[in-house]
Amino acid sequence: MYTAVVVTVVIMLIASKPISEFIRKHPSFKVLALCFLMMIGVSLIAEGFHFEIPKGYIYFSMAFAFLVDVIQMKTVKHK
């Protein structure tokens, strides 16, 4: 267990620089990630109240939003 945590931390430290550069160049992905977190949180709260949202709806909406963001990133030229 300790080894897994140490390896994961090392991977995160190595990956943090390229990810932060990507987010700096494409801030819309930061907003998209925050929206995904909010959607997952709402889903978890709903499940806590025994109101089940089908996972397919959540996954489809996340994939669609990601696809739209990727298309926008490819078509809009950044400065």
C-alpha atoms as a PDB file:
ATOM      1  CA  MET A   1       0.000   0.000   0.000  1.00  0.00           C
ATOM      2  CA  TYR A   2       2.800   2.410   0.857  1.00  0.00           C
ATOM      3  CA  THR A   3       4.595   1.591  -2.372  1.00  0.00           C
ATOM      4  CA  ALA A   4       1.464   2.332  -4.398  1.00  0.00           C
ATOM      5  CA  VAL A   5       1.087   5.733  -2.718  1.00  0.00           C
ATOM      6  CA  VAL A   6       4.741   6.637  -3.276  1.00  0.00           C
ATOM      7  CA  VAL A   7       4.621   5.559  -6.943  1.00  0.00           C
ATOM      8  CA  THR A   8       1.405   7.519  -7.479  1.00  0.00           C
ATOM      9  CA  VAL A   9       2.884  10.660  -5.923  1.00  0.00           C
ATOM     10  CA  VAL A  10       5.973  10.366  -8.135  1.00  0.00           C
ATOM     11  CA  ILE A  11       3.770   9.982 -11.233  1.00  0.00           C
ATOM     12  CA  MET A  12       1.717  13.024 -10.208  1.00  0.00           C
ATOM     13  CA  LEU A  13       4.863  15.100  -9.687  1.00  0.00           C
ATOM     14  CA  ILE A  14       6.179  14.128 -13.131  1.00  0.00           C
ATOM     15  CA  ALA A  15       2.826  14.704 -14.864  1.00  0.00           C
ATOM     16  CA  SER A  16       1.962  17.980 -13.132  1.00  0.00           C
ATOM     17  CA  LYS A  17       4.152  20.188 -15.355  1.00  0.00           C
ATOM     18  CA  PRO A  18       2.766  19.055 -18.739  1.00  0.00           C
ATOM     19  CA  ILE A  19      -0.796  19.088 -17.427  1.00  0.00           C
ATOM     20  CA  SER A  20      -0.437  22.587 -15.974  1.00  0.00           C
ATOM     21  CA  GLU A  21       1.005  23.844 -19.274  1.00  0.00           C
ATOM     22  CA  PHE A  22      -1.908  22.319 -21.193  1.00  0.00           C
ATOM     23  CA  ILE A  23      -4.435  23.908 -18.822  1.00  0.00           C
ATOM     24  CA  ARG A  24      -2.630  27.263 -19.113  1.00  0.00           C
ATOM     25  CA  LYS A  25      -2.944  27.099 -22.905  1.00  0.00           C
ATOM     26  CA  HIS A  26      -6.561  25.818 -22.868  1.00  0.00           C
ATOM     27  CA  PRO A  27      -8.463  27.259 -19.867  1.00  0.00           C
ATOM     28  CA  SER A  28     -11.797  25.918 -21.133  1.00  0.00           C
ATOM     29  CA  PHE A  29     -10.685  22.453 -20.009  1.00  0.00           C
ATOM     30  CA  LYS A  30     -10.399  23.782 -16.450  1.00  0.00           C
ATOM     31  CA  VAL A  31     -14.035  24.853 -16.564  1.00  0.00           C
ATOM     32  CA  LEU A  32     -14.982  21.516 -18.126  1.00  0.00           C
ATOM     33  CA  ALA A  33     -13.208  19.587 -15.366  1.00  0.00           C
ATOM     34  CA  LEU A  34     -14.937  21.651 -12.680  1.00  0.00           C
ATOM     35  CA  CYS A  35     -18.301  20.967 -14.339  1.00  0.00           C
ATOM     36  CA  PHE A  36     -17.527  17.241 -14.387  1.00  0.00           C
ATOM     37  CA  LEU A  37     -16.732  17.348 -10.672  1.00  0.00           C
ATOM     38  CA  MET A  38     -19.969  19.194  -9.994  1.00  0.00           C
ATOM     39  CA  MET A  39     -21.959  16.674 -12.036  1.00  0.00           C
ATOM     40  CA  ILE A  40     -20.390  13.752 -10.165  1.00  0.00           C
ATOM     41  CA  GLY A  41     -21.103  15.477  -6.841  1.00  0.00           C
ATOM     42  CA  VAL A  42     -24.762  16.039  -7.741  1.00  0.00           C
ATOM     43  CA  SER A  43     -25.011  12.386  -8.801  1.00  0.00           C
ATOM     44  CA  LEU A  44     -23.538  11.204  -5.499  1.00  0.00           C
ATOM     45  CA  ILE A  45     -25.882  13.422  -3.499  1.00  0.00           C
ATOM     46  CA  ALA A  46     -28.842  12.136  -5.514  1.00  0.00           C
ATOM     47  CA  GLU A  47     -27.786   8.541  -4.844  1.00  0.00           C
ATOM     48  CA  GLY A  48     -27.548   9.398  -1.158  1.00  0.00           C
ATOM     49  CA  PHE A  49     -31.239  10.327  -1.285  1.00  0.00           C
ATOM     50  CA  HIS A  50     -31.990   7.030  -3.112  1.00  0.00           C
ATOM     51  CA  PHE A  51     -32.664   8.793  -6.425  1.00  0.00           C
ATOM     52  CA  GLU A  52     -30.649   6.913  -9.005  1.00  0.00           C
ATOM     53  CA  ILE A  53     -29.532   8.726 -12.144  1.00  0.00           C
ATOM     54  CA  PRO A  54     -28.623   6.225 -14.887  1.00  0.00           C
ATOM     55  CA  LYS A  55     -24.855   6.236 -15.370  1.00  0.00           C
ATOM     56  CA  GLY A  56     -25.282   6.231 -19.153  1.00  0.00           C
ATOM     57  CA  TYR A  57     -26.793   9.719 -18.991  1.00  0.00           C
ATOM     58  CA  ILE A  58     -23.863  10.994 -16.977  1.00  0.00           C
ATOM     59  CA  TYR A  59     -21.208   9.339 -19.145  1.00  0.00           C
ATOM     60  CA  PHE A  60     -22.859  10.462 -22.385  1.00  0.00           C
ATOM     61  CA  SER A  61     -23.143  14.068 -21.254  1.00  0.00           C
ATOM     62  CA  MET A  62     -19.510  14.093 -20.108  1.00  0.00           C
ATOM     63  CA  ALA A  63     -18.297  12.545 -23.375  1.00  0.00           C
ATOM     64  CA  PHE A  64     -20.386  14.963 -25.427  1.00  0.00           C
ATOM     65  CA  ALA A  65     -19.085  18.005 -23.534  1.00  0.00           C
ATOM     66  CA  PHE A  66     -15.521  16.735 -23.888  1.00  0.00           C
ATOM     67  CA  LEU A  67     -15.996  16.180 -27.625  1.00  0.00           C
ATOM     68  CA  VAL A  68     -17.413  19.679 -28.093  1.00  0.00           C
ATOM     69  CA  ASP A  69     -14.475  21.157 -26.168  1.00  0.00           C
ATOM     70  CA  VAL A  70     -11.956  19.220 -28.259  1.00  0.00           C
ATOM     71  CA  ILE A  71     -13.632  20.352 -31.499  1.00  0.00           C
ATOM     72  CA  GLN A  72     -13.621  23.936 -30.258  1.00  0.00           C
ATOM     73  CA  MET A  73      -9.952  23.639 -29.302  1.00  0.00           C
ATOM     74  CA  LYS A  74      -9.083  22.349 -32.789  1.00  0.00           C
ATOM     75  CA  THR A  75     -11.079  24.980 -34.677  1.00  0.00           C
ATOM     76  CA  VAL A  76     -10.332  28.120 -32.647  1.00  0.00           C
ATOM     77  CA  LYS A  77      -6.790  29.381 -32.958  1.00  0.00           C
ATOM     78  CA  HIS A  78      -5.248  30.637 -29.719  1.00  0.00           C
ATOM     79  CA  LYS A  79      -3.045  33.731 -29.564  1.00  0.00           C
END
